[in-house]
């Protein structure tokens, strides 16, 4: 159901523009910078994979409790502000460490805060719009996030890659890039903070800790009692893990193959421009062909992308092809997963259910990065590490295919 966006919807969408700048920087430039300060001879893929795994694991352990507490009246915005503020400070401070381990610790903190803020952001969807507009608003969020994040990223590229020509060393350029991205992130969080208010909430219980953990257990039980939700959540757990792993590990994989850093960064920038119209198109195609069918198409495409990366990606031109293909499906699979889940859940429990939706996604992010790191370390071949991701898309496709059409 397309239509003019309200002030609340626009404000919600703008936060995607803000946080996506950090996501893009973490995908494209930060792994390259980390490689420059890492110990000589160490594997960037292994170290970066374990760092991403640690960040995802800590977040997954914290978010069930924090998500439930954020559902209480007046808490959601407080938690959102806290994670954005802490994350932006950690991001700006990334330019300080000169040792690889200290840098990774700061990065893990910033990453936890970024993804924590996105849990609360997703939960604000039910406050910013109505359920009939979930597909439209969710797709618009991802689309504008992709294109909007290019603005600060291009500025960062100009400073980092063009800086040496005017006497600015690359390491100083990266320090400036961290600051630019942190300021952008905070600036685009302000509209949501000002204009979107928590309208769905739980009243503060008499026994906070007991009721928090009891409520989590009851919601999880309801999810697995509903056959459609059970199949969808298991499928989502598998395929979104593969998607997140490709996003997080693509640059470090390309670096391990010896592809020029400039080529890697520019190819990933093209991904953002391709993803902008693709995400919007996916949202509209879902109204014609069905959300489930479009998700199956995207999962199948990602399986093929994984095979291409493992067997054919050796030079910069193949990385460009890979980046364009990812751009065609990345926004669609993420946006439609979020909106499809909204259609399956009881609206009176939307906040609790969306909390588990994000938690499942964060737990899933542990498995893929861990698989890549372990298989790369065992085989000594990063291509085998990438190939291990394919099984996640196979499992996700089969589970979603078998999801019943009617509630059961």
Protein backbone atom coordinates (compact mmCIF):
# COMPACT_ATOMS: atom_id res chain seq x y z
CA UNK A 1 0.00 0.00 0.00
CA UNK A 2 1.98 2.96 -1.29
CA UNK A 3 1.23 6.54 -0.30
CA UNK A 4 2.70 9.78 0.96
CA UNK A 5 5.01 9.28 3.92
CA UNK A 6 4.00 10.85 7.23
CA UNK A 7 6.37 12.91 9.39
CA UNK A 8 6.78 9.97 11.76
CA UNK A 9 7.54 7.55 8.90
CA UNK A 10 10.12 9.93 7.39
CA UNK A 11 11.78 10.39 10.77
CA UNK A 12 11.94 6.62 11.26
CA UNK A 13 13.41 6.12 7.77
CA UNK A 14 16.09 8.78 8.36
CA UNK A 15 17.69 6.73 11.12
CA UNK A 16 18.49 4.10 8.49
CA UNK A 17 20.37 6.85 6.63
CA UNK A 18 22.34 7.58 9.80
CA UNK A 19 23.29 4.08 10.95
CA UNK A 20 23.99 2.81 7.42
CA UNK A 21 26.98 5.17 7.18
CA UNK A 22 28.72 3.17 9.93
CA UNK A 23 27.64 -0.12 8.36
CA UNK A 24 29.18 0.91 5.03
CA UNK A 25 32.38 2.16 6.65
CA UNK A 26 32.67 -1.10 8.64
CA UNK A 27 32.16 -3.12 5.46
CA UNK A 28 34.51 -1.22 3.18
CA UNK A 29 37.20 0.83 4.89
CA UNK A 30 37.58 -0.36 8.49
CA UNK A 31 38.80 -3.90 7.59
CA UNK A 32 41.33 -2.38 5.19
CA UNK A 33 42.56 -0.01 7.91
CA UNK A 34 42.72 -2.89 10.39
CA UNK A 35 44.87 -4.86 7.93
CA UNK A 36 47.35 -1.97 7.90
CA UNK A 37 47.84 -2.08 11.70
CA UNK A 38 47.58 -5.87 12.12
CA UNK A 39 50.64 -8.00 12.88
CA UNK A 40 52.59 -8.94 9.71
CA UNK A 41 51.69 -12.42 8.51
CA UNK A 42 48.43 -12.64 10.44
CA UNK A 43 45.20 -13.51 8.59
CA UNK A 44 42.86 -10.53 8.38
CA UNK A 45 39.89 -12.85 7.64
CA UNK A 46 40.45 -14.93 10.80
CA UNK A 47 40.99 -11.96 13.16
CA UNK A 48 38.12 -9.93 11.70
CA UNK A 49 35.80 -12.95 11.73
CA UNK A 50 36.44 -13.65 15.39
CA UNK A 51 35.92 -9.97 16.27
CA UNK A 52 32.56 -9.92 14.46
CA UNK A 53 31.61 -13.19 16.17
CA UNK A 54 32.44 -11.75 19.61
CA UNK A 55 30.39 -8.60 18.94
CA UNK A 56 27.39 -10.60 17.77
CA UNK A 57 27.59 -13.05 20.68
CA UNK A 58 27.73 -10.31 23.34
CA UNK A 59 24.83 -8.50 21.69
CA UNK A 60 22.76 -11.67 21.46
CA UNK A 61 23.29 -12.37 25.17
CA UNK A 62 22.32 -8.82 26.20
CA UNK A 63 19.40 -8.06 23.89
CA UNK A 64 16.75 -10.48 25.22
CA UNK A 65 16.82 -8.69 28.58
CA UNK A 66 17.38 -5.14 27.28
CA UNK A 67 14.72 -5.60 24.60
CA UNK A 68 12.15 -6.69 27.16
CA UNK A 69 13.03 -3.77 29.46
CA UNK A 70 12.78 -1.35 26.54
CA UNK A 71 9.15 -2.41 26.02
CA UNK A 72 8.25 -0.79 29.33
CA UNK A 73 6.57 2.61 29.13
CA UNK A 74 9.07 5.36 28.30
CA UNK A 75 12.08 3.06 28.11
CA UNK A 76 12.46 2.42 24.39
CA UNK A 77 13.71 5.90 23.52
CA UNK A 78 16.07 5.97 26.52
CA UNK A 79 17.69 2.72 25.41
CA UNK A 80 17.87 3.98 21.84
CA UNK A 81 19.63 7.23 22.87
CA UNK A 82 22.03 5.33 25.13
CA UNK A 83 23.18 2.90 22.44
CA UNK A 84 23.53 5.59 19.75
CA UNK A 85 25.50 7.89 22.07
CA UNK A 86 27.86 5.20 23.35
CA UNK A 87 28.37 3.75 19.88
CA UNK A 88 29.15 7.13 18.32
CA UNK A 89 31.78 7.86 20.99
CA UNK A 90 33.42 4.46 20.46
CA UNK A 91 33.35 4.97 16.67
CA UNK A 92 34.96 8.42 16.91
CA UNK A 93 37.65 6.95 19.20
CA UNK A 94 38.67 4.24 16.70
CA UNK A 95 41.39 6.53 15.38
CA UNK A 96 43.22 6.53 18.73
CA UNK A 97 44.63 2.95 19.06
CA UNK A 98 47.76 1.96 17.15
CA UNK A 99 47.72 -1.70 18.28
CA UNK A 100 45.42 -4.19 16.51
CA UNK A 101 43.94 -5.70 19.70
CA UNK A 102 43.01 -2.32 21.22
CA UNK A 103 41.43 -1.30 17.91
CA UNK A 104 39.36 -4.51 17.80
CA UNK A 105 38.10 -3.98 21.37
CA UNK A 106 36.87 -0.47 20.52
CA UNK A 107 35.35 -1.72 17.27
CA UNK A 108 33.47 -4.50 19.09
CA UNK A 109 31.99 -1.93 21.51
CA UNK A 110 30.93 0.36 18.65
CA UNK A 111 29.45 -2.59 16.72
CA UNK A 112 27.47 -3.82 19.74
CA UNK A 113 26.02 -0.35 20.27
CA UNK A 114 25.18 0.07 16.57
CA UNK A 115 23.31 -3.22 16.36
CA UNK A 116 21.68 -2.65 19.73
CA UNK A 117 20.28 0.67 18.52
CA UNK A 118 18.91 -1.09 15.44
CA UNK A 119 16.95 -3.51 17.63
CA UNK A 120 15.15 -0.57 19.24
CA UNK A 121 14.86 1.11 15.82
CA UNK A 122 13.07 -1.93 14.34
CA UNK A 123 10.74 -1.99 17.34
CA UNK A 124 9.87 1.67 16.66
CA UNK A 125 8.35 0.59 13.31
CA UNK A 126 5.11 -0.33 15.09
CA UNK A 127 5.00 3.17 16.60
CA UNK A 128 5.88 5.04 13.40
CA UNK A 129 3.34 3.49 11.00
CA UNK A 130 0.41 1.09 10.65
CA UNK A 131 0.68 -2.61 9.79
CA UNK A 132 -0.75 -2.09 6.25
CA UNK A 133 2.32 0.03 5.42
CA UNK A 134 5.02 -2.25 6.85
CA UNK A 135 6.29 -3.41 3.43
CA UNK A 136 6.39 0.13 2.02
CA UNK A 137 8.02 1.86 5.01
CA UNK A 138 10.46 -0.98 5.74
CA UNK A 139 11.63 -1.04 2.10
CA UNK A 140 11.94 2.75 2.02
CA UNK A 141 14.09 2.58 5.14
CA UNK A 142 16.59 0.18 3.61
CA UNK A 143 16.54 1.99 0.26
CA UNK A 144 17.26 5.46 1.65
CA UNK A 145 19.76 3.96 4.04
CA UNK A 146 21.77 2.63 1.12
CA UNK A 147 21.79 5.83 -0.91
CA UNK A 148 22.04 8.22 2.05
CA UNK A 149 25.04 6.46 3.54
CA UNK A 150 26.98 7.18 0.34
CA UNK A 151 27.19 10.91 1.17
CA UNK A 152 29.45 10.64 4.25
CA UNK A 153 31.21 7.63 2.75
CA UNK A 154 32.25 9.58 -0.35
CA UNK A 155 33.55 12.32 1.95
CA UNK A 156 35.51 9.67 3.87
CA UNK A 157 36.91 8.26 0.61
CA UNK A 158 38.00 11.73 -0.47
CA UNK A 159 39.90 12.23 2.79
CA UNK A 160 41.40 8.73 2.99
CA UNK A 161 42.27 8.08 -0.67
CA UNK A 162 42.76 11.67 -1.82
CA UNK A 163 44.41 12.95 1.34
CA UNK A 164 47.98 11.83 0.49
CA UNK A 165 47.96 14.06 -2.60
CA UNK A 166 47.50 17.15 -0.39
CA UNK A 167 49.77 16.00 2.42
CA UNK A 168 47.26 14.21 4.66
CA UNK A 169 48.57 10.70 5.56
CA UNK A 170 46.09 7.83 5.14
CA UNK A 171 46.03 7.02 8.87
CA UNK A 172 45.09 10.64 9.65
CA UNK A 173 42.46 10.46 6.91
CA UNK A 174 40.92 7.42 8.64
CA UNK A 175 40.75 9.31 11.94
CA UNK A 176 38.80 12.06 10.16
CA UNK A 177 36.58 9.41 8.52
CA UNK A 178 35.68 7.95 11.93
CA UNK A 179 34.66 11.41 13.16
CA UNK A 180 32.62 12.21 10.04
CA UNK A 181 30.69 8.94 10.32
CA UNK A 182 30.05 9.35 14.07
CA UNK A 183 28.65 12.87 13.61
CA UNK A 184 26.46 11.72 10.68
CA UNK A 185 25.12 8.83 12.75
CA UNK A 186 24.10 11.08 15.65
CA UNK A 187 22.64 13.80 13.39
CA UNK A 188 20.25 11.42 11.63
CA UNK A 189 19.08 9.88 14.89
CA UNK A 190 17.64 13.21 16.04
CA UNK A 191 14.44 13.16 13.87
CA UNK A 192 13.42 9.77 15.29
CA UNK A 193 14.16 10.93 18.83
CA UNK A 194 12.07 14.10 18.34
CA UNK A 195 9.15 12.84 16.25
CA UNK A 196 8.56 9.11 16.91
CA UNK A 197 7.11 8.23 20.30
CA UNK A 198 6.51 4.92 22.00
CA UNK A 199 2.78 4.28 21.64
CA UNK A 200 2.92 0.50 22.23
CA UNK A 201 4.31 -0.42 25.63
CA UNK A 202 3.98 -2.55 28.74
CA UNK A 203 3.28 -1.06 32.15
CA UNK A 204 6.02 -1.47 34.75
CA UNK A 205 5.38 -4.77 36.60
CA UNK A 206 5.51 -5.19 40.36
CA UNK A 207 8.36 -7.73 40.11
CA UNK A 208 10.56 -6.40 37.31
CA UNK A 209 13.22 -9.12 36.99
CA UNK A 210 10.85 -12.06 37.47
CA UNK A 211 8.25 -10.69 35.07
CA UNK A 212 10.91 -9.74 32.47
CA UNK A 213 12.36 -13.24 32.23
CA UNK A 214 8.92 -14.85 32.54
CA UNK A 215 7.59 -12.70 29.69
CA UNK A 216 10.53 -13.65 27.47
CA UNK A 217 9.87 -17.34 28.06
CA UNK A 218 6.15 -16.98 27.30
CA UNK A 219 6.78 -15.07 24.06
CA UNK A 220 9.36 -17.61 22.86
CA UNK A 221 6.92 -20.41 23.65
CA UNK A 222 4.18 -18.70 21.62
CA UNK A 223 6.56 -18.27 18.66
CA UNK A 224 7.38 -21.98 18.49
CA UNK A 225 3.78 -23.04 19.13
CA UNK A 226 2.69 -21.25 15.93
CA UNK A 227 3.89 -23.46 13.04
CA UNK A 228 4.14 -20.60 10.52
CA UNK A 229 6.18 -18.47 12.90
CA UNK A 230 8.36 -21.42 13.85
CA UNK A 231 9.26 -22.21 10.24
CA UNK A 232 9.78 -18.55 9.37
CA UNK A 233 12.04 -17.85 12.36
CA UNK A 234 14.18 -20.94 11.70
CA UNK A 235 14.45 -20.03 8.01
CA UNK A 236 15.27 -16.42 8.89
CA UNK A 237 17.90 -17.58 11.37
CA UNK A 238 19.71 -19.47 8.60
CA UNK A 239 19.46 -17.21 5.56
CA UNK A 240 19.93 -13.86 7.32
CA UNK A 241 23.08 -15.29 8.88
CA UNK A 242 24.44 -15.85 5.38
CA UNK A 243 23.46 -12.32 4.33
CA UNK A 244 25.10 -10.71 7.38
CA UNK A 245 28.24 -12.79 6.93
CA UNK A 246 28.66 -11.73 3.29
CA UNK A 247 28.18 -8.08 4.28
CA UNK A 248 30.69 -8.28 7.13
CA UNK A 249 33.37 -10.45 5.52
CA UNK A 250 33.39 -9.33 1.86
CA UNK A 251 36.14 -6.73 2.13
CA UNK A 252 38.43 -8.81 4.35
CA UNK A 253 37.95 -11.75 1.92
CA UNK A 254 38.88 -9.54 -1.03
CA UNK A 255 41.91 -8.27 0.88
CA UNK A 256 43.01 -11.85 1.56
CA UNK A 257 42.81 -12.54 -2.19
CA UNK A 258 45.09 -9.58 -2.85
CA UNK A 259 42.53 -7.34 -4.57
CA UNK A 260 43.46 -3.65 -4.49
CA UNK A 261 41.80 -1.79 -1.60
CA UNK A 262 40.58 1.03 -3.85
CA UNK A 263 38.83 -1.46 -6.14
CA UNK A 264 37.16 -3.13 -3.15
CA UNK A 265 35.86 0.15 -1.75
CA UNK A 266 34.55 1.51 -5.05
CA UNK A 267 32.80 -1.78 -5.86
CA UNK A 268 31.03 -1.72 -2.50
CA UNK A 269 29.99 1.88 -3.14
CA UNK A 270 28.33 0.73 -6.36
CA UNK A 271 26.44 -1.85 -4.26
CA UNK A 272 24.77 1.00 -2.38
CA UNK A 273 23.56 2.70 -5.57
CA UNK A 274 22.24 -0.56 -7.01
CA UNK A 275 20.51 -1.44 -3.72
CA UNK A 276 18.54 1.84 -3.57
CA UNK A 277 16.11 1.20 -6.46
CA UNK A 278 16.24 -2.56 -5.90
CA UNK A 279 14.94 -2.34 -2.32
CA UNK A 280 12.02 -0.11 -3.37
CA UNK A 281 11.27 -2.39 -6.34
CA UNK A 282 11.31 -5.45 -4.10
CA UNK A 283 8.77 -3.85 -1.77
CA UNK A 284 6.43 -3.22 -4.70
CA UNK A 285 6.97 -6.59 -6.37
CA UNK A 286 5.96 -8.28 -3.12
CA UNK A 287 2.44 -6.84 -3.49
CA UNK A 288 2.14 -8.55 -6.89
CA UNK A 289 3.93 -11.87 -6.35
CA UNK A 290 3.79 -12.27 -2.58
CA UNK A 291 6.40 -11.60 0.08
CA UNK A 292 7.28 -15.26 0.63
CA UNK A 293 7.91 -15.88 -3.08
CA UNK A 294 10.15 -12.82 -3.39
CA UNK A 295 12.11 -13.93 -0.32
CA UNK A 296 12.67 -17.37 -1.89
CA UNK A 297 13.99 -15.69 -5.06
CA UNK A 298 16.43 -13.62 -3.00
CA UNK A 299 17.66 -16.64 -1.00
CA UNK A 300 18.27 -18.58 -4.23
CA UNK A 301 20.18 -15.62 -5.64
CA UNK A 302 22.37 -15.42 -2.55
CA UNK A 303 23.18 -19.13 -2.85
CA UNK A 304 24.43 -18.52 -6.39
CA UNK A 305 26.38 -15.45 -5.23
CA UNK A 306 28.14 -17.57 -2.58
CA UNK A 307 29.17 -20.18 -5.15
CA UNK A 308 30.45 -17.45 -7.45
CA UNK A 309 32.51 -15.92 -4.64
CA UNK A 310 34.03 -19.25 -3.63
CA UNK A 311 34.90 -20.60 -7.10
CA UNK A 312 35.30 -17.63 -9.44
CA UNK A 313 36.23 -14.55 -7.41
CA UNK A 314 39.95 -13.98 -7.98
CA UNK A 315 40.31 -10.52 -9.58
CA UNK A 316 38.81 -7.06 -9.10
CA UNK A 317 36.37 -7.47 -12.04
CA UNK A 318 34.78 -10.51 -10.36
CA UNK A 319 34.45 -8.53 -7.13
CA UNK A 320 32.61 -5.78 -9.06
CA UNK A 321 30.20 -8.38 -10.48
CA UNK A 322 29.67 -9.79 -7.00
CA UNK A 323 29.00 -6.33 -5.53
CA UNK A 324 26.35 -5.53 -8.16
CA UNK A 325 24.60 -8.88 -7.65
CA UNK A 326 24.53 -8.41 -3.89
CA UNK A 327 23.06 -4.93 -4.37
CA UNK A 328 20.15 -6.36 -6.36
CA UNK A 329 18.95 -8.55 -3.49
CA UNK A 330 20.42 -7.27 -0.21
CA UNK A 331 17.85 -4.57 0.61
CA UNK A 332 14.93 -6.67 -0.57
CA UNK A 333 15.69 -9.70 1.57
CA UNK A 334 16.21 -7.59 4.68
CA UNK A 335 13.21 -5.29 4.22
CA UNK A 336 10.75 -8.05 3.31
CA UNK A 337 11.94 -10.26 6.16
CA UNK A 338 11.10 -7.45 8.58
CA UNK A 339 7.68 -6.79 7.05
CA UNK A 340 6.73 -10.47 6.56
CA UNK A 341 7.38 -11.08 10.23
CA UNK A 342 5.07 -8.17 11.06
CA UNK A 343 2.27 -9.86 9.10
CA UNK A 344 2.68 -13.14 11.01
CA UNK A 345 2.62 -11.84 14.57
CA UNK A 346 -0.32 -10.76 16.77
CA UNK A 347 -0.29 -6.97 16.71
CA UNK A 348 -1.03 -6.62 20.43
CA UNK A 349 2.37 -8.24 21.12
CA UNK A 350 4.29 -6.54 18.30
CA UNK A 351 7.08 -5.10 20.45
CA UNK A 352 7.88 -8.39 22.18
CA UNK A 353 7.85 -10.33 18.91
CA UNK A 354 10.01 -7.82 17.07
CA UNK A 355 12.48 -8.02 19.93
CA UNK A 356 12.86 -11.76 19.27
CA UNK A 357 13.05 -11.14 15.53
CA UNK A 358 16.12 -8.95 16.03
CA UNK A 359 17.57 -11.30 18.63
CA UNK A 360 17.30 -14.24 16.22
CA UNK A 361 19.08 -12.17 13.60
CA UNK A 362 21.92 -11.26 15.98
CA UNK A 363 22.36 -14.84 17.21
CA UNK A 364 22.47 -15.95 13.59
CA UNK A 365 25.28 -13.49 12.86
CA UNK A 366 27.53 -15.51 15.19
CA UNK A 367 27.34 -18.72 13.17
CA UNK A 368 28.31 -17.44 9.71
CA UNK A 369 31.35 -15.39 10.69
CA UNK A 370 32.49 -18.26 12.93
CA UNK A 371 32.11 -20.78 10.08
CA UNK A 372 34.15 -18.61 7.70
CA UNK A 373 36.93 -18.12 10.24
CA UNK A 374 37.10 -21.79 11.28
CA UNK A 375 37.04 -23.24 7.74
CA UNK A 376 39.57 -20.66 6.56
CA UNK A 377 41.86 -21.54 9.47
CA UNK A 378 41.48 -25.32 9.00
CA UNK A 379 41.95 -25.36 5.23
CA UNK A 380 44.26 -22.35 4.91
CA UNK A 381 41.98 -21.25 2.05
CA UNK A 382 39.54 -18.35 2.50
CA UNK A 383 37.51 -19.62 -0.49
CA UNK A 384 36.56 -22.73 1.50
CA UNK A 385 35.53 -20.47 4.35
CA UNK A 386 33.20 -18.55 2.05
CA UNK A 387 31.78 -21.79 0.58
CA UNK A 388 30.67 -22.87 4.05
CA UNK A 389 28.05 -20.08 3.97
CA UNK A 390 26.14 -21.81 1.13
CA UNK A 391 24.65 -24.40 3.48
CA UNK A 392 22.91 -21.61 5.42
CA UNK A 393 21.05 -20.48 2.30
CA UNK A 394 20.04 -24.08 1.45
CA UNK A 395 18.61 -24.58 4.94
CA UNK A 396 16.86 -21.21 4.88
CA UNK A 397 15.29 -21.86 1.47
CA UNK A 398 13.97 -25.31 2.46
CA UNK A 399 12.50 -24.10 5.74
CA UNK A 400 10.80 -21.07 4.17
CA UNK A 401 9.49 -23.23 1.30
CA UNK A 402 7.88 -25.58 3.84
CA UNK A 403 6.32 -22.77 5.89
CA UNK A 404 2.53 -23.33 5.87
CA UNK A 405 0.41 -20.78 4.04
CA UNK A 406 -2.16 -20.72 6.84
CA UNK A 407 -1.70 -20.49 10.58
CA UNK A 408 -1.16 -23.85 12.16
